[in-house]
Amino acid sequence: MDVWKVIWSATVLPRVKLFAWRACLDALPTKVGLHRRVPAISALCGVCGVAEDSALHSLAFCPLAQGIWASSEIRQCVPRGCLSVAEWFAYCFKLMDDGEMCLFLTTCWAVWGARCKMSIEGEMSPPNQTAAYAAKTCAEAREAIDVVKTAGKSVGAVTSQVKWQAPSDGWLKINVDAGQAGGGLSGLGVVCRDMEGSILSCAAVQMRANWEAPIAEARAVLEGVVMAKSLGLQKVIIESDCQRVVQALQKQEKGSSSFNLIIDDIFSVIPSSLQVVVFC
């Protein structure tokens, strides 16, 4: 099963997709990851203090997570020998229909949000409250997306899902996105693909900031340019779904706002050897 395809096509909030993608890449800020960089820091879970704080432990095995799952309509299980979130997701996706899979992903996101709230604010939300919040968020997201699809039909618009368009020969495409990651955090995602659709590089960044959408999307484009520069690329198409950012870049908009300063940073990072086209 193509876990990535399932995640990106799921009828859930963009922030949930970004979270799930980062979880599968083992890119969540866990204590195990911190321990790899700073061995002096304990890798034990800060909630239960019993097991190592891996992404899989945080989302499935920790007592905090288990309490939320016990209150959820989704009865997830982790197969014997499973060692990563990606393996866990692949196993669960095979057993779930579309609605269950969307609730499963949204609940994982809510579990992580509850952990962040406890770690940062020292407050633990009741498990049934977190589970209910996940169910409500999932239902509202699916309803909103259905409304958009229905509206498209009423005006004769194309309602099929927008498919990724391959770049022309000699070019690479970098797709960027941004969203709220919960707990006062913003998440940025960047994926670089060739004309065959093969992923050449990807990155996920989480920052302690509650940015407005255009600022977060501009930061995602900046991350995309940094990636292109670090890979030594020469011809790159950067695709963002934020028209405000694309227009500002195409017009080389100037200003003193936080948004415009990021736009300036993007142009300052692009080397003369790199040809960049940005579109929505």
C-alpha atoms as a PDB file:
ATOM      1  CA  MET A   1       0.000   0.000   0.000  1.00  0.00           C
ATOM      2  CA  ASP A   2       1.198   3.503  -0.870  1.00  0.00           C
ATOM      3  CA  VAL A   3       0.902   5.165   2.548  1.00  0.00           C
ATOM      4  CA  TRP A   4       1.915   8.560   1.163  1.00  0.00           C
ATOM      5  CA  LYS A   5      -0.808   8.511  -1.491  1.00  0.00           C
ATOM      6  CA  VAL A   6      -3.448   7.586   1.081  1.00  0.00           C
ATOM      7  CA  ILE A   7      -2.389  10.398   3.420  1.00  0.00           C
ATOM      8  CA  TRP A   8      -2.281  13.144   0.799  1.00  0.00           C
ATOM      9  CA  SER A   9      -5.624  12.101  -0.722  1.00  0.00           C
ATOM     10  CA  ALA A  10      -7.412  11.777   2.637  1.00  0.00           C
ATOM     11  CA  THR A  11     -10.472  13.957   3.260  1.00  0.00           C
ATOM     12  CA  VAL A  12      -8.963  15.640   6.319  1.00  0.00           C
ATOM     13  CA  LEU A  13      -7.582  19.054   7.226  1.00  0.00           C
ATOM     14  CA  PRO A  14      -4.273  19.985   5.535  1.00  0.00           C
ATOM     15  CA  ARG A  15      -2.657  20.261   8.968  1.00  0.00           C
ATOM     16  CA  VAL A  16      -3.638  16.647   9.675  1.00  0.00           C
ATOM     17  CA  LYS A  17      -2.045  15.509   6.404  1.00  0.00           C
ATOM     18  CA  LEU A  18       1.130  17.416   7.223  1.00  0.00           C
ATOM     19  CA  PHE A  19       1.245  15.909  10.693  1.00  0.00           C
ATOM     20  CA  ALA A  20       0.687  12.368   9.391  1.00  0.00           C
ATOM     21  CA  TRP A  21       3.394  12.849   6.770  1.00  0.00           C
ATOM     22  CA  ARG A  22       5.870  14.041   9.404  1.00  0.00           C
ATOM     23  CA  ALA A  23       4.936  11.165  11.710  1.00  0.00           C
ATOM     24  CA  CYS A  24       5.656   8.628   8.949  1.00  0.00           C
ATOM     25  CA  LEU A  25       9.014  10.287   8.286  1.00  0.00           C
ATOM     26  CA  ASP A  26       9.816  10.002  12.010  1.00  0.00           C
ATOM     27  CA  ALA A  27      10.154  13.792  11.984  1.00  0.00           C
ATOM     28  CA  LEU A  28       8.074  14.557  15.077  1.00  0.00           C
ATOM     29  CA  PRO A  29       9.980  16.274  17.916  1.00  0.00           C
ATOM     30  CA  THR A  30      10.192  13.284  20.254  1.00  0.00           C
ATOM     31  CA  LYS A  31      12.650  12.708  23.092  1.00  0.00           C
ATOM     32  CA  VAL A  32      14.142   9.791  21.168  1.00  0.00           C
ATOM     33  CA  GLY A  33      15.039  12.191  18.363  1.00  0.00           C
ATOM     34  CA  LEU A  34      16.428  14.696  20.853  1.00  0.00           C
ATOM     35  CA  HIS A  35      18.444  11.943  22.554  1.00  0.00           C
ATOM     36  CA  ARG A  36      20.083  11.073  19.228  1.00  0.00           C
ATOM     37  CA  ARG A  37      21.390  14.633  19.011  1.00  0.00           C
ATOM     38  CA  VAL A  38      22.113  15.153  22.712  1.00  0.00           C
ATOM     39  CA  PRO A  39      22.845  11.778  24.372  1.00  0.00           C
ATOM     40  CA  ALA A  40      22.834  13.359  27.826  1.00  0.00           C
ATOM     41  CA  ILE A  41      19.086  13.972  27.502  1.00  0.00           C
ATOM     42  CA  SER A  42      16.930  11.021  28.505  1.00  0.00           C
ATOM     43  CA  ALA A  43      14.894   9.354  25.771  1.00  0.00           C
ATOM     44  CA  LEU A  44      12.185   8.269  28.235  1.00  0.00           C
ATOM     45  CA  CYS A  45       8.653   9.483  27.653  1.00  0.00           C
ATOM     46  CA  GLY A  46       7.920  12.628  29.636  1.00  0.00           C
ATOM     47  CA  VAL A  47       4.331  11.483  30.217  1.00  0.00           C
ATOM     48  CA  CYS A  48       4.655   7.915  31.476  1.00  0.00           C
ATOM     49  CA  GLY A  49       8.393   7.798  32.209  1.00  0.00           C
ATOM     50  CA  VAL A  50       8.445   4.091  31.385  1.00  0.00           C
ATOM     51  CA  ALA A  51       9.213   3.642  27.681  1.00  0.00           C
ATOM     52  CA  GLU A  52      11.301   5.552  25.175  1.00  0.00           C
ATOM     53  CA  ASP A  53       9.449   8.473  23.646  1.00  0.00           C
ATOM     54  CA  SER A  54       9.339   7.410  19.990  1.00  0.00           C
ATOM     55  CA  ALA A  55       6.640   8.638  17.622  1.00  0.00           C
ATOM     56  CA  LEU A  56       4.961   5.219  17.724  1.00  0.00           C
ATOM     57  CA  HIS A  57       4.980   5.200  21.528  1.00  0.00           C
ATOM     58  CA  SER A  58       3.592   8.745  21.675  1.00  0.00           C
ATOM     59  CA  LEU A  59       0.691   8.017  19.329  1.00  0.00           C
ATOM     60  CA  ALA A  60      -0.179   4.424  20.205  1.00  0.00           C
ATOM     61  CA  PHE A  61       1.350   2.997  23.376  1.00  0.00           C
ATOM     62  CA  CYS A  62       1.632   5.839  25.882  1.00  0.00           C
ATOM     63  CA  PRO A  63      -1.123   5.741  28.561  1.00  0.00           C
ATOM     64  CA  LEU A  64      -2.211   9.213  27.444  1.00  0.00           C
ATOM     65  CA  ALA A  65      -2.711   7.935  23.885  1.00  0.00           C
ATOM     66  CA  GLN A  66      -4.354   4.709  24.996  1.00  0.00           C
ATOM     67  CA  GLY A  67      -6.874   6.652  27.063  1.00  0.00           C
ATOM     68  CA  ILE A  68      -7.860   8.694  24.018  1.00  0.00           C
ATOM     69  CA  TRP A  69      -8.080   5.652  21.760  1.00  0.00           C
ATOM     70  CA  ALA A  70     -10.256   3.897  24.359  1.00  0.00           C
ATOM     71  CA  SER A  71     -12.681   6.828  24.152  1.00  0.00           C
ATOM     72  CA  SER A  72     -12.623   6.960  20.352  1.00  0.00           C
ATOM     73  CA  GLU A  73     -14.940   5.303  17.867  1.00  0.00           C
ATOM     74  CA  ILE A  74     -11.823   3.914  16.176  1.00  0.00           C
ATOM     75  CA  ARG A  75     -10.365   0.753  17.686  1.00  0.00           C
ATOM     76  CA  GLN A  76      -6.817   0.858  16.407  1.00  0.00           C
ATOM     77  CA  CYS A  77      -4.285  -1.881  17.034  1.00  0.00           C
ATOM     78  CA  VAL A  78      -0.563  -2.191  16.474  1.00  0.00           C
ATOM     79  CA  PRO A  79       0.562  -5.470  14.870  1.00  0.00           C
ATOM     80  CA  ARG A  80       3.262  -7.533  16.525  1.00  0.00           C
ATOM     81  CA  GLY A  81       6.721  -6.514  15.370  1.00  0.00           C
ATOM     82  CA  CYS A  82       5.655  -3.063  14.177  1.00  0.00           C
ATOM     83  CA  LEU A  83       8.532  -0.626  14.668  1.00  0.00           C
ATOM     84  CA  SER A  84       7.426   2.608  13.040  1.00  0.00           C
ATOM     85  CA  VAL A  85       4.441   4.873  12.495  1.00  0.00           C
ATOM     86  CA  ALA A  86       4.650   4.239   8.741  1.00  0.00           C
ATOM     87  CA  GLU A  87       4.253   0.481   9.295  1.00  0.00           C
ATOM     88  CA  TRP A  88       1.406   1.076  11.751  1.00  0.00           C
ATOM     89  CA  PHE A  89      -0.434   3.362   9.333  1.00  0.00           C
ATOM     90  CA  ALA A  90      -0.026   0.906   6.444  1.00  0.00           C
ATOM     91  CA  TYR A  91      -1.459  -1.910   8.562  1.00  0.00           C
ATOM     92  CA  CYS A  92      -4.425   0.159   9.763  1.00  0.00           C
ATOM     93  CA  PHE A  93      -5.230   1.614   6.334  1.00  0.00           C
ATOM     94  CA  LYS A  94      -5.766  -1.898   4.961  1.00  0.00           C
ATOM     95  CA  LEU A  95      -8.428  -2.575   7.601  1.00  0.00           C
ATOM     96  CA  MET A  96     -10.300   0.736   7.398  1.00  0.00           C
ATOM     97  CA  ASP A  97     -12.754   2.329   5.024  1.00  0.00           C
ATOM     98  CA  ASP A  98     -12.323   5.966   4.003  1.00  0.00           C
ATOM     99  CA  GLY A  99     -14.301   7.415   6.918  1.00  0.00           C
ATOM    100  CA  GLU A 100     -12.495   5.313   9.514  1.00  0.00           C
ATOM    101  CA  MET A 101      -9.120   6.162   8.020  1.00  0.00           C
ATOM    102  CA  CYS A 102      -9.852   9.903   8.150  1.00  0.00           C
ATOM    103  CA  LEU A 103     -10.969   9.674  11.783  1.00  0.00           C
ATOM    104  CA  PHE A 104      -7.898   7.574  12.579  1.00  0.00           C
ATOM    105  CA  LEU A 105      -5.527  10.207  11.151  1.00  0.00           C
ATOM    106  CA  THR A 106      -7.377  13.065  12.834  1.00  0.00           C
ATOM    107  CA  THR A 107      -7.299  11.245  16.168  1.00  0.00           C
ATOM    108  CA  CYS A 108      -3.542  10.696  15.848  1.00  0.00           C
ATOM    109  CA  TRP A 109      -3.206  14.441  15.287  1.00  0.00           C
ATOM    110  CA  ALA A 110      -5.379  15.141  18.335  1.00  0.00           C
ATOM    111  CA  VAL A 111      -3.322  12.730  20.464  1.00  0.00           C
ATOM    112  CA  TRP A 112      -0.179  14.619  19.530  1.00  0.00           C
ATOM    113  CA  GLY A 113      -1.876  17.926  20.314  1.00  0.00           C
ATOM    114  CA  ALA A 114      -2.868  16.623  23.754  1.00  0.00           C
ATOM    115  CA  ARG A 115       0.736  15.573  24.421  1.00  0.00           C
ATOM    116  CA  CYS A 116       2.018  18.994  23.378  1.00  0.00           C
ATOM    117  CA  LYS A 117      -0.510  20.705  25.635  1.00  0.00           C
ATOM    118  CA  MET A 118       0.593  18.616  28.581  1.00  0.00           C
ATOM    119  CA  SER A 119       4.293  19.120  27.883  1.00  0.00           C
ATOM    120  CA  ILE A 120       4.055  22.869  27.261  1.00  0.00           C
ATOM    121  CA  GLU A 121       1.186  23.977  29.502  1.00  0.00           C
ATOM    122  CA  GLY A 122       1.190  21.164  32.053  1.00  0.00           C
ATOM    123  CA  GLU A 123      -2.506  20.528  31.442  1.00  0.00           C
ATOM    124  CA  MET A 124      -4.031  17.173  30.509  1.00  0.00           C
ATOM    125  CA  SER A 125      -7.355  17.236  28.707  1.00  0.00           C
ATOM    126  CA  PRO A 126      -9.817  14.431  29.563  1.00  0.00           C
ATOM    127  CA  PRO A 127      -9.342  11.576  27.045  1.00  0.00           C
ATOM    128  CA  ASN A 128     -13.013  11.545  26.064  1.00  0.00           C
ATOM    129  CA  GLN A 129     -12.844  15.295  25.367  1.00  0.00           C
ATOM    130  CA  THR A 130      -9.852  14.865  23.052  1.00  0.00           C
ATOM    131  CA  ALA A 131     -11.511  11.944  21.262  1.00  0.00           C
ATOM    132  CA  ALA A 132     -14.717  13.961  20.827  1.00  0.00           C
ATOM    133  CA  TYR A 133     -12.726  16.929  19.507  1.00  0.00           C
ATOM    134  CA  ALA A 134     -11.038  14.672  16.924  1.00  0.00           C
ATOM    135  CA  ALA A 135     -14.375  13.236  15.798  1.00  0.00           C
ATOM    136  CA  LYS A 136     -15.932  16.712  15.531  1.00  0.00           C
ATOM    137  CA  THR A 137     -12.948  18.106  13.602  1.00  0.00           C
ATOM    138  CA  CYS A 138     -12.949  15.145  11.216  1.00  0.00           C
ATOM    139  CA  ALA A 139     -16.692  15.386  10.565  1.00  0.00           C
ATOM    140  CA  GLU A 140     -16.564  19.139   9.955  1.00  0.00           C
ATOM    141  CA  ALA A 141     -13.622  18.790   7.570  1.00  0.00           C
ATOM    142  CA  ARG A 142     -15.319  16.085   5.531  1.00  0.00           C
ATOM    143  CA  GLU A 143     -18.566  18.076   5.437  1.00  0.00           C
ATOM    144  CA  ALA A 144     -16.762  21.238   4.308  1.00  0.00           C
ATOM    145  CA  ILE A 145     -14.933  19.388   1.543  1.00  0.00           C
ATOM    146  CA  ASP A 146     -18.199  17.795   0.397  1.00  0.00           C
ATOM    147  CA  VAL A 147     -19.814  21.257   0.263  1.00  0.00           C
ATOM    148  CA  VAL A 148     -16.986  22.514  -1.942  1.00  0.00           C
ATOM    149  CA  LYS A 149     -17.367  19.546  -4.271  1.00  0.00           C
ATOM    150  CA  THR A 150     -21.133  20.056  -4.436  1.00  0.00           C
ATOM    151  CA  ALA A 151     -20.702  23.757  -5.150  1.00  0.00           C
ATOM    152  CA  GLY A 152     -18.341  22.881  -7.972  1.00  0.00           C
ATOM    153  CA  LYS A 153     -20.937  20.629  -9.539  1.00  0.00           C
ATOM    154  CA  SER A 154     -23.596  23.344  -9.351  1.00  0.00           C
ATOM    155  CA  VAL A 155     -21.554  25.690 -11.544  1.00  0.00           C
ATOM    156  CA  GLY A 156     -20.272  23.020 -13.870  1.00  0.00           C
ATOM    157  CA  ALA A 157     -16.763  23.070 -12.427  1.00  0.00           C
ATOM    158  CA  VAL A 158     -14.383  20.166 -12.673  1.00  0.00           C
ATOM    159  CA  THR A 159     -14.867  18.223  -9.454  1.00  0.00           C
ATOM    160  CA  SER A 160     -12.258  15.522  -9.781  1.00  0.00           C
ATOM    161  CA  GLN A 161      -9.347  15.753  -7.372  1.00  0.00           C
ATOM    162  CA  VAL A 162      -6.527  17.966  -8.562  1.00  0.00           C
ATOM    163  CA  LYS A 163      -3.709  15.706  -9.636  1.00  0.00           C
ATOM    164  CA  TRP A 164      -0.045  16.459  -9.353  1.00  0.00           C
ATOM    165  CA  GLN A 165       1.282  17.756 -12.661  1.00  0.00           C
ATOM    166  CA  ALA A 166       4.756  16.642 -13.689  1.00  0.00           C
ATOM    167  CA  PRO A 167       7.309  19.325 -14.618  1.00  0.00           C
ATOM    168  CA  SER A 168       8.708  19.615 -18.120  1.00  0.00           C
ATOM    169  CA  ASP A 169      11.857  17.758 -19.121  1.00  0.00           C
ATOM    170  CA  GLY A 170      14.904  19.270 -17.443  1.00  0.00           C
ATOM    171  CA  TRP A 171      12.891  20.800 -14.619  1.00  0.00           C
ATOM    172  CA  LEU A 172      12.106  19.634 -11.089  1.00  0.00           C
ATOM    173  CA  LYS A 173       9.053  20.550  -9.044  1.00  0.00           C
ATOM    174  CA  ILE A 174       8.956  21.474  -5.361  1.00  0.00           C
ATOM    175  CA  ASN A 175       5.527  21.466  -3.719  1.00  0.00           C
ATOM    176  CA  VAL A 176       5.200  23.402  -0.487  1.00  0.00           C
ATOM    177  CA  ASP A 177       2.446  23.690   2.089  1.00  0.00           C
ATOM    178  CA  ALA A 178       1.919  25.054   5.579  1.00  0.00           C
ATOM    179  CA  GLY A 179      -0.626  24.755   8.358  1.00  0.00           C
ATOM    180  CA  GLN A 180      -1.304  24.841  12.067  1.00  0.00           C
ATOM    181  CA  ALA A 181       0.264  21.877  13.859  1.00  0.00           C
ATOM    182  CA  GLY A 182      -1.567  22.354  17.170  1.00  0.00           C
ATOM    183  CA  GLY A 183      -0.203  23.511  20.512  1.00  0.00           C
ATOM    184  CA  GLY A 184       0.671  26.968  19.163  1.00  0.00           C
ATOM    185  CA  LEU A 185       2.918  25.459  16.492  1.00  0.00           C
ATOM    186  CA  SER A 186       3.056  25.930  12.729  1.00  0.00           C
ATOM    187  CA  GLY A 187       4.194  23.199  10.352  1.00  0.00           C
ATOM    188  CA  LEU A 188       5.842  23.522   6.959  1.00  0.00           C
ATOM    189  CA  GLY A 189       6.171  20.760   4.367  1.00  0.00           C
ATOM    190  CA  VAL A 190       8.388  20.632   1.280  1.00  0.00           C
ATOM    191  CA  VAL A 191       8.618  17.839  -1.347  1.00  0.00           C
ATOM    192  CA  CYS A 192      10.896  17.808  -4.395  1.00  0.00           C
ATOM    193  CA  ARG A 193      10.012  15.483  -7.310  1.00  0.00           C
ATOM    194  CA  ASP A 194      11.339  14.828 -10.773  1.00  0.00           C
ATOM    195  CA  MET A 195       9.263  14.496 -13.968  1.00  0.00           C
ATOM    196  CA  GLU A 196       8.517  10.851 -13.115  1.00  0.00           C
ATOM    197  CA  GLY A 197       7.043  11.825  -9.759  1.00  0.00           C
ATOM    198  CA  SER A 198       9.890  10.234  -7.798  1.00  0.00           C
ATOM    199  CA  ILE A 199      10.665  12.012  -4.534  1.00  0.00           C
ATOM    200  CA  LEU A 200      14.225  13.350  -4.550  1.00  0.00           C
ATOM    201  CA  SER A 201      14.071  15.139  -1.225  1.00  0.00           C
ATOM    202  CA  CYS A 202      11.548  16.183   1.383  1.00  0.00           C
ATOM    203  CA  ALA A 203      11.498  18.145   4.603  1.00  0.00           C
ATOM    204  CA  ALA A 204       9.110  18.981   7.410  1.00  0.00           C
ATOM    205  CA  VAL A 205       9.674  21.868   9.781  1.00  0.00           C
ATOM    206  CA  GLN A 206       7.751  22.681  12.948  1.00  0.00           C
ATOM    207  CA  MET A 207       8.095  26.119  14.527  1.00  0.00           C
ATOM    208  CA  ARG A 208       6.750  27.579  17.733  1.00  0.00           C
ATOM    209  CA  ALA A 209       4.674  30.271  16.051  1.00  0.00           C
ATOM    210  CA  ASN A 210       1.016  30.808  15.270  1.00  0.00           C
ATOM    211  CA  TRP A 211       1.407  32.497  11.876  1.00  0.00           C
ATOM    212  CA  GLU A 212      -1.307  33.804   9.629  1.00  0.00           C
ATOM    213  CA  ALA A 213      -1.736  31.644   6.527  1.00  0.00           C
ATOM    214  CA  PRO A 214       0.149  33.904   4.027  1.00  0.00           C
ATOM    215  CA  ILE A 215       3.156  34.205   6.350  1.00  0.00           C
ATOM    216  CA  ALA A 216       3.278  30.443   6.954  1.00  0.00           C
ATOM    217  CA  GLU A 217       2.966  29.740   3.213  1.00  0.00           C
ATOM    218  CA  ALA A 218       5.728  32.266   2.448  1.00  0.00           C
ATOM    219  CA  ARG A 219       7.978  30.526   4.963  1.00  0.00           C
ATOM    220  CA  ALA A 220       7.218  27.214   3.236  1.00  0.00           C
ATOM    221  CA  VAL A 221       8.304  28.699  -0.113  1.00  0.00           C
ATOM    222  CA  LEU A 222      11.493  29.949   1.558  1.00  0.00           C
ATOM    223  CA  GLU A 223      12.174  26.410   2.790  1.00  0.00           C
ATOM    224  CA  GLY A 224      11.608  25.167  -0.762  1.00  0.00           C
ATOM    225  CA  VAL A 225      14.145  27.623  -2.174  1.00  0.00           C
ATOM    226  CA  VAL A 226      16.654  26.665   0.529  1.00  0.00           C
ATOM    227  CA  MET A 227      16.165  23.001  -0.407  1.00  0.00           C
ATOM    228  CA  ALA A 228      16.695  23.744  -4.119  1.00  0.00           C
ATOM    229  CA  LYS A 229      19.854  25.689  -3.305  1.00  0.00           C
ATOM    230  CA  SER A 230      21.244  22.977  -1.014  1.00  0.00           C
ATOM    231  CA  LEU A 231      20.642  20.320  -3.700  1.00  0.00           C
ATOM    232  CA  GLY A 232      22.441  22.419  -6.310  1.00  0.00           C
ATOM    233  CA  LEU A 233      19.418  22.488  -8.611  1.00  0.00           C
ATOM    234  CA  GLN A 234      19.270  24.752 -11.668  1.00  0.00           C
ATOM    235  CA  LYS A 235      15.668  24.694 -12.922  1.00  0.00           C
ATOM    236  CA  VAL A 236      12.900  24.461 -10.336  1.00  0.00           C
ATOM    237  CA  ILE A 237       9.157  25.012 -10.306  1.00  0.00           C
ATOM    238  CA  ILE A 238       7.861  25.842  -6.827  1.00  0.00           C
ATOM    239  CA  GLU A 239       4.151  25.226  -6.432  1.00  0.00           C
ATOM    240  CA  SER A 240       2.139  26.808  -3.593  1.00  0.00           C
ATOM    241  CA  ASP A 241      -1.623  26.861  -3.076  1.00  0.00           C
ATOM    242  CA  CYS A 242      -1.476  30.393  -1.628  1.00  0.00           C
ATOM    243  CA  GLN A 243      -2.300  32.925  -4.343  1.00  0.00           C
ATOM    244  CA  ARG A 244      -1.240  35.823  -2.095  1.00  0.00           C
ATOM    245  CA  VAL A 245       2.318  34.471  -1.882  1.00  0.00           C
ATOM    246  CA  VAL A 246       2.544  33.643  -5.574  1.00  0.00           C
ATOM    247  CA  GLN A 247       1.374  37.107  -6.611  1.00  0.00           C
ATOM    248  CA  ALA A 248       3.807  38.795  -4.219  1.00  0.00           C
ATOM    249  CA  LEU A 249       6.693  36.806  -5.684  1.00  0.00           C
ATOM    250  CA  GLN A 250       5.667  37.345  -9.287  1.00  0.00           C
ATOM    251  CA  LYS A 251       5.352  41.109  -8.702  1.00  0.00           C
ATOM    252  CA  GLN A 252       8.476  41.189  -6.492  1.00  0.00           C
ATOM    253  CA  GLU A 253       6.349  43.015  -3.961  1.00  0.00           C
ATOM    254  CA  LYS A 254       8.148  45.291  -1.504  1.00  0.00           C
ATOM    255  CA  GLY A 255       7.150  46.341   2.004  1.00  0.00           C
ATOM    256  CA  SER A 256       8.098  46.366   5.674  1.00  0.00           C
ATOM    257  CA  SER A 257       5.560  43.853   7.006  1.00  0.00           C
ATOM    258  CA  SER A 258       6.584  40.443   8.325  1.00  0.00           C
ATOM    259  CA  PHE A 259       5.136  38.925   5.157  1.00  0.00           C
ATOM    260  CA  ASN A 260       7.121  41.198   2.830  1.00  0.00           C
ATOM    261  CA  LEU A 261      10.339  40.629   4.773  1.00  0.00           C
ATOM    262  CA  ILE A 262       9.986  36.893   4.101  1.00  0.00           C
ATOM    263  CA  ILE A 263       9.385  37.636   0.412  1.00  0.00           C
ATOM    264  CA  ASP A 264      12.644  39.632   0.453  1.00  0.00           C
ATOM    265  CA  ASP A 265      14.417  36.694   2.133  1.00  0.00           C
ATOM    266  CA  ILE A 266      13.243  34.369  -0.638  1.00  0.00           C
ATOM    267  CA  PHE A 267      14.797  36.534  -3.350  1.00  0.00           C
ATOM    268  CA  SER A 268      18.001  36.998  -1.352  1.00  0.00           C
ATOM    269  CA  VAL A 269      18.461  33.217  -1.005  1.00  0.00           C
ATOM    270  CA  ILE A 270      18.043  32.393  -4.720  1.00  0.00           C
ATOM    271  CA  PRO A 271      21.520  32.062  -6.289  1.00  0.00           C
ATOM    272  CA  SER A 272      22.184  33.392  -9.792  1.00  0.00           C
ATOM    273  CA  SER A 273      22.613  29.815 -11.049  1.00  0.00           C
ATOM    274  CA  LEU A 274      19.082  28.828  -9.990  1.00  0.00           C
ATOM    275  CA  GLN A 275      16.121  29.476 -12.279  1.00  0.00           C
ATOM    276  CA  VAL A 276      12.883  29.476 -10.265  1.00  0.00           C
ATOM    277  CA  VAL A 277       9.288  29.653 -11.417  1.00  0.00           C
ATOM    278  CA  VAL A 278       6.583  30.008  -8.770  1.00  0.00           C
ATOM    279  CA  PHE A 279       2.914  29.359  -9.479  1.00  0.00           C
ATOM    280  CA  CYS A 280      -0.315  28.456  -7.732  1.00  0.00           C
END
